Protein backbone atom coordinates (compact mmCIF):
# COMPACT_ATOMS: atom_id res chain seq x y z
CA MET A 1 36.35 34.82 -59.04
CA THR A 2 37.37 37.11 -62.51
CA THR A 3 35.31 37.27 -65.23
CA LEU A 4 37.88 37.23 -67.70
CA ALA A 5 37.89 33.67 -69.17
CA PRO A 6 40.08 32.24 -70.48
CA GLY A 7 43.21 33.93 -69.35
CA PRO A 8 45.04 34.59 -65.80
CA ARG A 9 43.03 33.89 -62.88
CA PRO A 10 43.68 36.15 -59.25
CA ILE A 11 45.90 34.87 -56.93
CA THR A 12 43.57 34.38 -53.82
CA VAL A 13 44.78 34.61 -50.20
CA ALA A 14 42.65 33.89 -46.94
CA ILE A 15 44.03 35.12 -43.68
CA LEU A 16 42.55 33.45 -40.46
CA ALA A 17 43.27 35.50 -37.19
CA MET A 18 42.09 36.39 -33.87
CA GLY A 19 41.94 39.61 -32.41
CA GLY A 20 44.61 41.47 -31.26
CA GLU A 21 46.96 39.54 -33.58
CA GLY A 22 47.32 42.26 -36.60
CA GLY A 23 45.23 40.33 -38.76
CA GLY A 24 44.04 43.77 -40.59
CA VAL A 25 47.67 44.80 -40.70
CA LEU A 26 48.80 41.90 -42.29
CA SER A 27 46.48 42.32 -44.83
CA ASP A 28 47.16 45.58 -45.52
CA TRP A 29 51.05 44.72 -45.64
CA ILE A 30 50.35 42.00 -48.62
CA VAL A 31 47.91 44.86 -50.38
CA ASP A 32 50.70 47.53 -50.25
CA LEU A 33 52.88 44.62 -51.56
CA ALA A 34 51.11 43.43 -54.35
CA GLU A 35 50.13 47.21 -55.38
CA HIS A 36 53.76 47.94 -55.49
CA GLY A 37 54.60 44.45 -57.27
CA GLY A 38 52.20 45.40 -60.30
CA TYR A 39 48.87 44.08 -59.33
CA LEU A 40 45.31 44.81 -58.58
CA VAL A 41 44.26 43.91 -55.18
CA GLN A 42 40.79 43.82 -53.66
CA ALA A 43 40.83 43.11 -49.72
CA THR A 44 37.79 42.24 -47.75
CA SER A 45 37.07 40.97 -44.24
CA VAL A 46 34.34 39.35 -42.10
CA PRO A 47 34.81 40.09 -38.53
CA GLY A 48 34.70 36.86 -35.86
CA VAL A 49 33.14 37.14 -32.58
CA ALA A 50 34.19 37.29 -29.10
CA GLN A 51 35.47 34.52 -26.62
CA ARG A 52 37.60 32.80 -29.19
CA THR A 53 34.69 31.01 -30.92
CA GLY A 54 35.85 32.17 -34.52
CA ALA A 55 38.38 34.17 -36.31
CA THR A 56 38.40 37.38 -38.43
CA VAL A 57 38.57 36.10 -42.45
CA TYR A 58 40.63 38.67 -44.27
CA TYR A 59 40.02 37.52 -48.39
CA LEU A 60 42.64 39.06 -50.68
CA GLU A 61 42.64 38.51 -54.62
CA LEU A 62 45.37 39.87 -56.44
CA PHE A 63 45.43 40.24 -60.30
CA PRO A 64 48.11 41.29 -62.65
CA LYS A 65 47.60 44.80 -63.99
CA ALA A 66 49.41 43.76 -67.41
CA ALA A 67 46.75 41.18 -67.96
CA ALA A 68 43.75 43.52 -67.17
CA LYS A 69 45.38 46.22 -69.86
CA ALA A 70 45.81 43.48 -72.15
CA ALA A 71 42.01 42.44 -71.88
CA GLY A 72 40.95 46.15 -72.19
CA ARG A 73 38.89 45.87 -68.99
CA ASP A 74 39.43 45.61 -64.91
CA PRO A 75 38.47 42.27 -63.34
CA VAL A 76 35.40 41.58 -61.06
CA LEU A 77 37.11 40.17 -58.23
CA ALA A 78 35.29 38.08 -55.55
CA LEU A 79 34.40 39.47 -51.89
CA MET A 80 34.82 36.22 -50.08
CA PRO A 81 36.97 32.84 -50.33
CA MET A 82 35.12 30.20 -51.94
CA PRO A 83 35.95 26.45 -51.52
CA GLY A 84 38.41 24.92 -53.68
CA ASP A 85 39.44 28.27 -55.15
CA VAL A 86 42.39 29.62 -52.59
CA ASP A 87 45.70 29.50 -53.24
CA VAL A 88 46.99 30.53 -49.85
CA VAL A 89 45.65 30.04 -46.62
CA ILE A 90 47.59 31.81 -43.77
CA ALA A 91 46.33 30.70 -40.19
CA SER A 92 47.78 32.54 -36.91
CA GLU A 93 46.99 29.48 -34.65
CA LEU A 94 46.39 25.81 -35.55
CA MET A 95 42.78 25.30 -35.04
CA GLU A 96 42.18 28.39 -37.38
CA ALA A 97 44.50 25.99 -40.16
CA GLY A 98 41.92 23.14 -39.24
CA ARG A 99 39.04 25.31 -39.78
CA ALA A 100 40.09 26.43 -43.13
CA VAL A 101 40.54 22.89 -44.00
CA GLN A 102 37.20 22.04 -42.83
CA ARG A 103 35.49 24.86 -44.89
CA GLY A 104 37.17 23.72 -48.08
CA PHE A 105 39.61 26.42 -48.39
CA VAL A 106 42.33 23.96 -48.41
CA THR A 107 42.96 21.68 -51.50
CA PRO A 108 46.05 19.34 -52.60
CA ASP A 109 46.01 20.76 -55.76
CA ARG A 110 46.60 24.05 -55.40
CA THR A 111 46.74 25.66 -51.68
CA THR A 112 49.68 26.65 -49.73
CA VAL A 113 49.02 26.62 -45.59
CA VAL A 114 51.44 28.83 -43.35
CA ALA A 115 50.17 28.32 -40.23
CA SER A 116 51.29 28.71 -36.42
CA THR A 117 51.21 25.44 -34.64
CA HIS A 118 50.69 27.13 -31.02
CA ARG A 119 47.29 26.85 -29.82
CA VAL A 120 44.63 29.34 -28.25
CA TYR A 121 41.80 26.81 -27.04
CA ALA A 122 38.33 27.57 -28.41
CA MET A 123 35.30 27.84 -26.53
CA THR A 124 34.15 24.34 -26.92
CA GLU A 125 37.65 23.23 -25.84
CA LYS A 126 37.37 25.31 -22.75
CA ILE A 127 33.87 24.41 -21.39
CA ALA A 128 34.27 20.60 -22.21
CA LEU A 129 33.36 18.75 -19.10
CA ALA A 130 36.41 16.49 -19.44
CA ASP A 131 39.46 17.26 -21.36
CA GLY A 132 37.94 18.88 -24.82
CA ARG A 133 41.05 19.61 -26.51
CA VAL A 134 41.75 18.99 -30.11
CA ASP A 135 44.31 16.68 -30.69
CA ALA A 136 47.26 18.81 -32.61
CA ALA A 137 48.91 16.24 -33.88
CA ALA A 138 46.05 14.97 -35.76
CA LEU A 139 45.31 18.62 -36.64
CA ILE A 140 48.83 18.93 -38.14
CA ASP A 141 48.19 15.38 -40.08
CA GLY A 142 45.17 16.59 -41.52
CA CYS A 143 46.42 20.07 -42.87
CA ARG A 144 49.35 18.19 -44.17
CA ALA A 145 47.01 15.91 -45.96
CA ALA A 146 44.76 18.45 -47.40
CA ALA A 147 47.39 21.19 -48.46
CA LYS A 148 49.76 21.09 -51.70
CA ARG A 149 52.10 22.54 -49.16
CA PHE A 150 52.14 23.18 -45.36
CA LEU A 151 54.45 25.41 -43.27
CA ALA A 152 53.79 25.38 -40.01
CA PHE A 153 56.24 26.24 -36.88
CA ASP A 154 55.57 28.09 -33.63
CA MET A 155 55.14 31.46 -34.83
CA ALA A 156 54.10 32.63 -31.22
CA ALA A 157 57.12 31.68 -29.73
CA ILE A 158 59.04 33.84 -32.07
CA ALA A 159 56.61 36.93 -31.72
CA GLU A 160 57.25 36.56 -27.96
CA ALA A 161 61.00 36.32 -28.52
CA THR A 162 60.81 39.77 -30.83
CA ARG A 163 58.41 41.28 -28.78
CA SER A 164 55.87 41.64 -31.86
CA PRO A 165 52.57 40.98 -32.65
CA ILE A 166 52.59 37.44 -34.44
CA ASN A 167 51.57 39.26 -37.81
CA ALA A 168 55.25 40.07 -38.91
CA VAL A 169 56.25 36.37 -38.28
CA LEU A 170 53.05 35.47 -40.41
CA PHE A 171 54.47 37.68 -42.99
CA GLY A 172 57.73 36.54 -43.17
CA ALA A 173 56.80 32.72 -43.35
CA LEU A 174 54.75 34.01 -46.40
CA ALA A 175 57.49 35.31 -48.22
CA GLY A 176 59.78 32.13 -46.91
CA ALA A 177 56.90 30.04 -48.49
CA GLY A 178 57.55 31.45 -51.96
CA ALA A 179 53.72 31.06 -52.53
CA LEU A 180 53.77 34.72 -53.73
CA PRO A 181 55.52 36.18 -56.77
CA PHE A 182 57.80 38.79 -54.77
CA GLY A 183 61.13 38.40 -53.52
CA ARG A 184 62.00 39.32 -49.78
CA PRO A 185 63.29 42.97 -50.19
CA ALA A 186 59.70 43.67 -51.80
CA PHE A 187 57.98 42.15 -48.52
CA GLU A 188 60.35 44.23 -46.34
CA ALA A 189 59.52 47.37 -47.95
CA ALA A 190 56.05 46.72 -47.08
CA ILE A 191 56.74 46.82 -43.70
CA ARG A 192 58.98 50.12 -43.82
CA ARG A 193 55.94 51.83 -45.73
CA GLY A 194 53.60 51.09 -42.74
CA ARG A 195 55.78 53.39 -40.55
CA VAL A 196 54.29 51.67 -37.60
CA GLY A 197 56.55 49.56 -35.34
CA VAL A 198 58.86 48.86 -38.40
CA GLU A 199 62.30 47.88 -36.31
CA ALA A 200 60.31 44.73 -34.21
CA GLY A 201 58.43 44.34 -37.32
CA LEU A 202 61.23 43.79 -39.55
CA GLU A 203 62.79 41.91 -36.56
CA ALA A 204 60.19 39.38 -36.52
CA PHE A 205 59.62 39.25 -40.39
CA LYS A 206 63.70 37.88 -40.36
CA ALA A 207 62.80 35.72 -37.82
CA GLY A 208 59.71 34.11 -39.50
CA PHE A 209 61.67 34.32 -43.09
CA GLU A 210 64.58 32.28 -41.81
CA ALA A 211 62.47 29.70 -39.96
CA ALA A 212 60.78 28.94 -43.07
CA GLN A 213 63.89 29.06 -45.36
CA GLY A 214 65.64 26.54 -42.86
CA GLY A 215 63.08 24.16 -42.19
CA ALA A 216 62.02 23.25 -45.97
CA PRO A 217 63.16 20.01 -47.38
CA ALA A 218 65.58 20.32 -50.73
CA ALA A 219 62.49 19.34 -52.78
CA GLY A 220 61.45 22.76 -52.15
CA ILE A 221 57.93 21.12 -50.95
CA HIS A 222 57.16 23.28 -47.28
CA ALA A 223 56.39 20.70 -44.87
CA ILE A 224 57.69 22.01 -41.23
CA THR A 225 55.70 20.31 -39.07
CA THR A 226 57.36 20.90 -35.28
CA ALA A 227 54.21 21.32 -33.32
CA ASN A 228 54.47 23.17 -30.03
CA LEU A 229 52.80 20.71 -28.02
CA PRO A 230 52.41 21.30 -24.38
CA PRO A 231 54.04 19.73 -21.52
CA PRO A 232 52.08 17.16 -19.01
CA THR A 233 50.26 19.11 -16.47
CA LEU A 234 49.32 18.10 -13.00
CA ASP A 235 45.50 17.57 -14.46
CA GLY A 236 46.38 16.70 -18.09
CA ARG A 237 45.31 20.03 -19.11
CA ASP A 238 46.98 23.36 -20.09
CA MET A 239 43.93 25.45 -21.19
CA GLU A 240 43.79 28.85 -20.61
CA ALA A 241 41.96 28.89 -17.38
CA PRO A 242 40.79 32.42 -15.41
CA ALA A 243 43.47 34.29 -13.50
CA ALA A 244 42.26 32.92 -10.28
CA ALA A 245 43.08 29.38 -11.54
CA VAL A 246 46.50 30.01 -13.09
CA GLN A 247 49.25 27.74 -11.00
CA GLU A 248 51.88 30.35 -10.85
CA PRO A 249 55.76 28.79 -10.62
CA THR A 250 56.86 27.30 -7.45
CA PRO A 251 60.04 27.57 -5.52
CA SER A 252 61.85 24.19 -5.16
CA LEU A 253 61.08 21.68 -2.81
CA PRO A 254 62.08 21.72 1.09
CA ALA A 255 64.84 18.97 1.21
CA PRO A 256 62.77 16.70 3.55
CA LEU A 257 59.99 16.27 1.14
CA ALA A 258 62.20 16.04 -2.03
CA ALA A 259 63.99 13.21 -0.57
CA ARG A 260 60.51 11.32 0.12
CA LEU A 261 59.88 11.22 -3.48
CA GLN A 262 62.27 8.49 -3.62
CA GLU A 263 59.56 6.25 -2.00
CA PHE A 264 57.53 6.27 -5.02
CA PRO A 265 57.81 4.14 -8.33
CA ASP A 266 59.24 6.13 -11.29
CA ALA A 267 56.08 6.23 -12.86
CA ALA A 268 54.19 8.10 -10.46
CA ARG A 269 56.95 10.35 -9.34
CA ALA A 270 56.85 13.28 -11.62
CA ILE A 271 53.22 13.27 -10.69
CA VAL A 272 53.87 13.25 -6.84
CA ARG A 273 56.53 15.93 -7.27
CA LEU A 274 54.08 18.08 -8.77
CA GLY A 275 51.35 17.70 -6.16
CA LEU A 276 53.86 18.24 -3.38
CA GLU A 277 55.03 21.68 -5.35
CA ARG A 278 51.34 22.67 -5.59
CA LEU A 279 50.11 21.62 -2.24
CA ALA A 280 53.31 23.73 -0.52
CA ASP A 281 52.80 26.52 -2.46
CA TYR A 282 48.76 26.09 -1.50
CA GLN A 283 49.25 26.26 2.25
CA ASP A 284 52.28 25.01 3.56
CA ALA A 285 55.30 22.09 3.77
CA ALA A 286 53.05 20.44 6.47
CA TYR A 287 50.02 20.38 3.94
CA ALA A 288 52.52 18.89 1.61
CA GLY A 289 53.58 16.27 4.15
CA LEU A 290 49.82 15.36 4.93
CA TYR A 291 49.89 14.48 1.10
CA ILE A 292 52.63 12.07 1.28
CA GLU A 293 51.05 10.07 4.13
CA ARG A 294 47.61 10.02 2.26
CA LEU A 295 49.65 8.19 -0.39
CA ARG A 296 51.41 6.03 1.69
CA PRO A 297 48.92 2.99 1.79
CA PHE A 298 48.43 2.89 -1.62
CA LEU A 299 52.38 1.92 -2.49
CA ALA A 300 51.83 -1.04 -0.06
CA LEU A 301 48.63 -1.93 -2.14
CA GLU A 302 50.83 -1.52 -5.62
CA ARG A 303 53.11 -3.85 -4.13
CA GLN A 304 50.23 -6.57 -2.58
CA ALA A 305 48.63 -5.94 -6.12
CA GLY A 306 51.74 -6.44 -8.19
CA GLY A 307 50.41 -3.16 -10.12
CA ASP A 308 51.90 -1.41 -12.85
CA GLY A 309 51.74 2.14 -10.79
CA ARG A 310 48.89 3.64 -12.52
CA LEU A 311 47.09 3.15 -8.96
CA VAL A 312 49.47 5.50 -6.97
CA GLU A 313 49.64 7.83 -10.16
CA GLU A 314 45.98 8.27 -10.34
CA VAL A 315 45.42 8.66 -6.59
CA ALA A 316 48.45 11.13 -6.40
CA ARG A 317 46.94 13.21 -9.26
CA GLN A 318 43.62 13.41 -8.08
CA LEU A 319 44.41 14.11 -4.33
CA ALA A 320 46.66 16.86 -5.09
CA LEU A 321 44.24 18.60 -7.13
CA ALA A 322 41.61 18.07 -4.55
CA MET A 323 43.43 19.04 -1.78
CA ALA A 324 44.17 22.35 -3.51
CA TYR A 325 40.90 23.06 -4.14
CA GLU A 326 39.89 26.86 -5.36
CA ASP A 327 38.40 28.93 -2.30
CA THR A 328 38.15 32.66 -2.06
CA ILE A 329 41.64 32.61 -0.41
CA ARG A 330 43.19 31.22 -3.21
CA VAL A 331 41.80 33.56 -5.82
CA ALA A 332 42.86 36.54 -4.11
CA GLU A 333 45.99 34.97 -3.31
CA LEU A 334 46.80 34.63 -6.84
CA LYS A 335 45.01 37.71 -8.19
CA VAL A 336 47.63 39.75 -6.11
CA ARG A 337 51.06 38.00 -6.75
CA ALA A 338 53.64 40.03 -8.51
CA SER A 339 54.45 37.46 -10.75
CA ARG A 340 50.82 37.95 -11.88
CA PHE A 341 51.31 41.57 -12.52
CA ALA A 342 54.64 40.74 -14.35
CA ARG A 343 52.96 38.43 -16.48
CA VAL A 344 49.55 40.85 -17.47
CA ARG A 345 52.61 43.41 -18.33
CA GLU A 346 54.23 40.96 -20.57
CA GLU A 347 51.09 39.74 -22.25
CA VAL A 348 49.54 43.33 -23.13
CA LYS A 349 53.13 44.21 -24.20
CA LEU A 350 53.06 47.24 -21.82
CA GLY A 351 55.83 50.03 -22.75
CA ASP A 352 57.72 52.33 -20.14
CA ASN A 353 55.47 55.21 -20.47
CA GLN A 354 52.09 53.52 -20.49
CA LEU A 355 49.60 52.74 -17.23
CA LEU A 356 47.91 49.43 -16.85
CA HIS A 357 44.71 48.98 -15.03
CA ILE A 358 43.29 45.43 -13.95
CA ALA A 359 39.76 45.34 -13.40
CA GLU A 360 38.55 41.99 -11.82
CA PHE A 361 34.98 40.68 -11.60
CA PHE A 362 33.74 39.16 -8.14
CA HIS A 363 30.48 37.42 -7.92
CA PRO A 364 31.03 35.12 -4.58
CA ARG A 365 27.80 33.29 -3.26
CA VAL A 366 26.56 33.35 0.05
CA GLU A 367 27.92 29.40 0.30
CA GLU A 368 31.33 30.31 -1.22
CA ILE A 369 31.66 33.24 1.71
CA ALA A 370 30.55 30.55 4.39
CA ASP A 371 32.83 28.41 3.13
CA THR A 372 35.67 30.81 3.95
CA LEU A 373 34.44 31.53 7.58
CA PRO A 374 35.44 29.06 10.79
CA GLU A 375 33.29 26.26 10.55
CA ARG A 376 30.68 27.02 13.44
CA TRP A 377 30.25 30.74 11.87
CA GLY A 378 29.91 29.28 7.93
CA ARG A 379 27.48 26.64 9.35
CA TRP A 380 25.52 29.25 11.26
CA LEU A 381 25.50 31.71 8.14
CA LEU A 382 24.04 28.85 6.22
CA ALA A 383 21.44 27.72 8.45
CA THR A 384 20.24 31.22 9.44
CA PRO A 385 17.71 32.86 6.96
CA TRP A 386 17.98 36.49 8.08
CA ALA A 387 21.86 36.40 7.88
CA ARG A 388 21.93 34.43 4.72
CA GLY A 389 19.58 36.56 3.12
CA ALA A 390 21.58 39.90 4.24
CA VAL A 391 24.58 38.49 2.69
CA ALA A 392 22.85 37.45 -0.58
CA ARG A 393 21.39 41.01 -1.02
CA LEU A 394 25.01 42.38 -0.58
CA THR A 395 26.66 40.08 -3.33
CA ARG A 396 24.03 39.89 -5.87
CA LYS A 397 25.03 42.13 -8.39
CA GLY A 398 28.75 41.26 -7.87
CA ARG A 399 31.61 43.92 -8.08
CA ILE A 400 34.78 45.08 -10.21
CA VAL A 401 37.69 45.60 -8.14
CA ARG A 402 40.69 46.98 -9.29
CA THR A 403 43.89 45.40 -8.53
CA SER A 404 45.91 47.72 -10.09
CA SER A 405 44.77 50.17 -7.55
CA ILE A 406 45.68 50.73 -3.35
CA ALA A 407 42.33 50.05 -2.52
CA GLY A 408 41.47 46.73 -4.89
CA PHE A 409 45.24 45.70 -3.95
CA LEU A 410 44.76 45.85 -0.52
CA MET A 411 41.08 44.43 -0.35
CA LEU A 412 42.46 41.25 -1.98
CA TYR A 413 45.53 41.12 -0.11
CA GLY A 414 43.42 41.16 3.02
CA VAL A 415 41.69 38.00 1.92
CA ALA A 416 44.53 36.27 0.90
CA SER A 417 45.97 36.87 4.02
CA LEU A 418 43.50 34.41 5.81
CA LYS A 419 45.56 31.71 4.54
CA PRO A 420 46.56 30.60 7.66
CA LEU A 421 43.08 30.30 9.00
CA ARG A 422 42.14 28.03 6.12
CA PRO A 423 42.57 24.79 8.10
CA ARG A 424 39.71 25.80 10.50
CA SER A 425 37.35 27.01 7.63
CA LEU A 426 34.30 25.08 6.62
CA ARG A 427 35.11 24.18 3.14
CA ASN A 428 38.47 22.72 4.48
CA ARG A 429 36.96 20.64 7.10
CA THR A 430 34.22 19.66 4.69
CA GLU A 431 37.08 18.98 1.94
CA GLN A 432 38.85 16.96 4.31
CA ARG A 433 36.20 14.73 5.53
CA ALA A 434 35.11 13.90 1.84
CA LEU A 435 38.84 13.06 0.75
CA GLU A 436 39.22 10.66 3.50
CA ASP A 437 35.63 8.98 2.69
CA TRP A 438 36.97 9.02 -0.93
CA LEU A 439 40.37 7.51 -0.02
CA GLU A 440 38.81 4.65 1.98
CA THR A 441 36.46 3.94 -0.81
CA VAL A 442 39.30 3.75 -3.45
CA ARG A 443 41.25 1.47 -0.83
CA ALA A 444 38.47 -0.85 -0.72
CA ALA A 445 37.94 -1.30 -4.18
CA ALA A 446 41.77 -1.76 -5.04
CA GLU A 447 41.83 -4.65 -2.35
CA ARG A 448 39.32 -6.02 -4.38
CA ASP A 449 40.02 -5.36 -8.14
CA TYR A 450 43.10 -3.12 -8.95
CA ARG A 451 41.77 -1.88 -12.03
CA LEU A 452 38.64 -1.12 -10.17
CA GLY A 453 40.75 1.00 -8.00
CA VAL A 454 42.32 2.75 -10.53
CA GLU A 455 38.74 3.66 -12.06
CA VAL A 456 37.37 4.53 -8.65
CA ALA A 457 39.90 6.99 -8.11
CA ALA A 458 39.93 8.52 -11.53
CA CYS A 459 36.32 9.38 -10.62
CA ARG A 460 37.17 12.20 -8.17
CA GLY A 461 38.17 14.32 -11.19
CA LEU A 462 34.71 15.00 -11.73
CA VAL A 463 34.67 17.09 -8.59
CA LYS A 464 36.34 20.25 -10.03
CA GLY A 465 35.84 24.07 -10.42
CA TYR A 466 33.94 26.20 -8.22
CA GLY A 467 30.29 27.47 -7.72
CA GLU A 468 27.49 25.34 -9.43
CA THR A 469 29.97 23.46 -11.55
CA ILE A 470 31.49 22.02 -8.62
CA GLU A 471 28.22 21.16 -7.17
CA ARG A 472 27.24 19.39 -10.04
CA GLY A 473 30.41 17.19 -10.37
CA ARG A 474 29.60 16.54 -6.60
CA GLU A 475 26.45 15.04 -7.22
CA ARG A 476 27.56 12.90 -10.36
CA PHE A 477 30.27 11.79 -8.19
CA ALA A 478 28.12 10.84 -5.45
CA ALA A 479 25.75 8.92 -7.84
CA ILE A 480 28.62 6.61 -9.12
CA ILE A 481 29.76 5.87 -5.63
CA THR A 482 26.18 4.78 -4.41
CA VAL A 483 26.03 2.27 -7.02
CA LEU A 484 29.45 1.12 -6.59
CA PRO A 485 28.53 -1.50 -4.00
CA GLU A 486 26.00 -3.23 -6.67
CA ILE A 487 28.89 -3.00 -9.35
CA ALA A 488 31.97 -4.26 -7.27
CA ASP A 489 30.92 -7.83 -7.68
CA ARG A 490 30.23 -7.88 -11.35
CA PRO A 491 32.53 -9.16 -14.12
CA HIS A 492 34.32 -6.10 -15.69
CA ALA A 493 33.48 -3.51 -12.79
CA ALA A 494 36.36 -1.23 -13.82
CA ALA A 495 34.84 -1.19 -17.25
CA ILE A 496 31.32 -0.36 -16.03
CA VAL A 497 32.73 2.48 -13.62
CA LEU A 498 34.87 3.83 -16.68
CA ALA A 499 31.56 3.97 -18.77
CA LEU A 500 29.77 5.64 -15.69
CA ARG A 501 32.38 8.51 -15.60
CA GLN A 502 32.42 9.02 -19.36
CA ALA A 503 28.83 9.40 -19.12
CA ALA A 504 29.13 11.77 -16.53
CA ASN A 505 31.38 14.10 -18.62
CA ALA A 506 29.11 13.90 -21.69
CA ASP A 507 26.43 16.71 -21.10
CA GLU A 508 25.84 19.38 -18.53
CA THR A 509 22.44 17.83 -17.61
CA GLY A 510 23.40 14.36 -16.44
CA ALA A 511 21.15 12.82 -18.58
CA ALA A 512 23.70 10.13 -20.06
CA LEU A 513 24.71 9.36 -16.52
CA ASN A 514 21.30 8.56 -15.36
CA ALA A 515 20.69 6.59 -18.42
CA GLN A 516 23.59 4.51 -17.68
CA ILE A 517 22.73 4.15 -13.71
CA GLY A 518 19.02 3.15 -15.43
CA GLN A 519 20.56 0.51 -17.43
CA LEU A 520 22.38 -0.97 -14.26
CA SER A 521 19.16 -1.19 -12.18
CA ASP A 522 17.05 -2.81 -15.14
CA LEU A 523 19.70 -5.35 -15.60
CA ARG A 524 19.52 -5.97 -11.88
CA GLN A 525 15.90 -6.12 -11.80
CA ALA A 526 16.04 -8.77 -14.52
CA ALA A 527 18.43 -10.97 -12.67
CA GLU A 528 16.35 -11.13 -9.82
């Protein structure tokens, strides 16, 4: 805050941007814009931290030179934004706009918010045991309610289309919002004076400016709210996954499989199709056909129970995810796909005269190596102390493999080529037996109580990931299935299973689930 009082106050601007988005360049453009427009400017920044747990906050204060000259002294400007005293907030991603609101930077009497509606998920959202995503619509509503003016649209999509960092789109949207006392030519001149990526920057600026101007209502209050909400996915999540877990686009279904989709009710057909596509890509058409055969008994249960399709839909979702479990073969296959290299090149905006090196970190455990072997060999490795110890010593430090090198690529390509042998592997035999047991448990529960069957089916979603994560999920899934017989005859059995599943996802330690199961035991003992 300035020490000149009473009198003009500075224009305060806070920029919240993540690494690689050009927040520093955006700040420099605003400094240049203001200095050439007759303002004194002070700019500071406080870096965020890695792994998407916080953005860098750039803070600028702009004070008119004429006012300082009239006062006979320079203003004293603040180094950091203060709650309730920010005129403009620029957020490169929707969650950052929400964080600005949470920190008190956004107020309804003063603040114009310029934000992109795309999402880059925070670590707290990614590491949640269930779906930890923050509701994008709620974020938009909160920002709109907190701000004097709210300008929001998918600026990342525009940046992608113009092959430019998002900072130029944000700069264009800022100009379109009219939140600073400078015209469009002054903004464009600042980009030109930067002398870096001028043509692409001006194109992205133009697109951002026009999007802001075209979306503003006649009253002049900017309230564009076209949120970039993600489409539904098979597992209900679209989080940034490790490269090994990313599903690549798949070809259209073979005609025989596509024809079988007509057996399913409309409500479940989209999920079943996604399941077929994933499994045909994961193994082959025969494996996808097994998926259909496993689902058919639940169609009959739907008809018998007069259900609304939820049972088939939930079984289809969980079965597809379970049958496409992640193993070393799948990891290697996805790492060496041509589409994956093309996607990485596009993401880093690789130029024609640039080289790209991709380093992958692998740390397979003995169990994961044994799972890839034929069942007999895998069980021998796990049961033989000297062999298990030797493999553990070789793999305990992990290794870095450069898939952009010939040797690294061929190493993973060789592992991926084991795909035809997957049906004989220890992991496949174990998974298929576990799936048959689960399907039988769901069938029995659904015959007793339709809603209970749906909830038991959903419990299979606890088993996910790999390594220690999947082991914890298996333990919690098994704990619920173990107590299922004593729950099944109770009133509101489905609600009890739902509560157990939610407790299983509540913490890393399993304490909440253990407490819930303990309460069930206490109730049983009291009844006896």
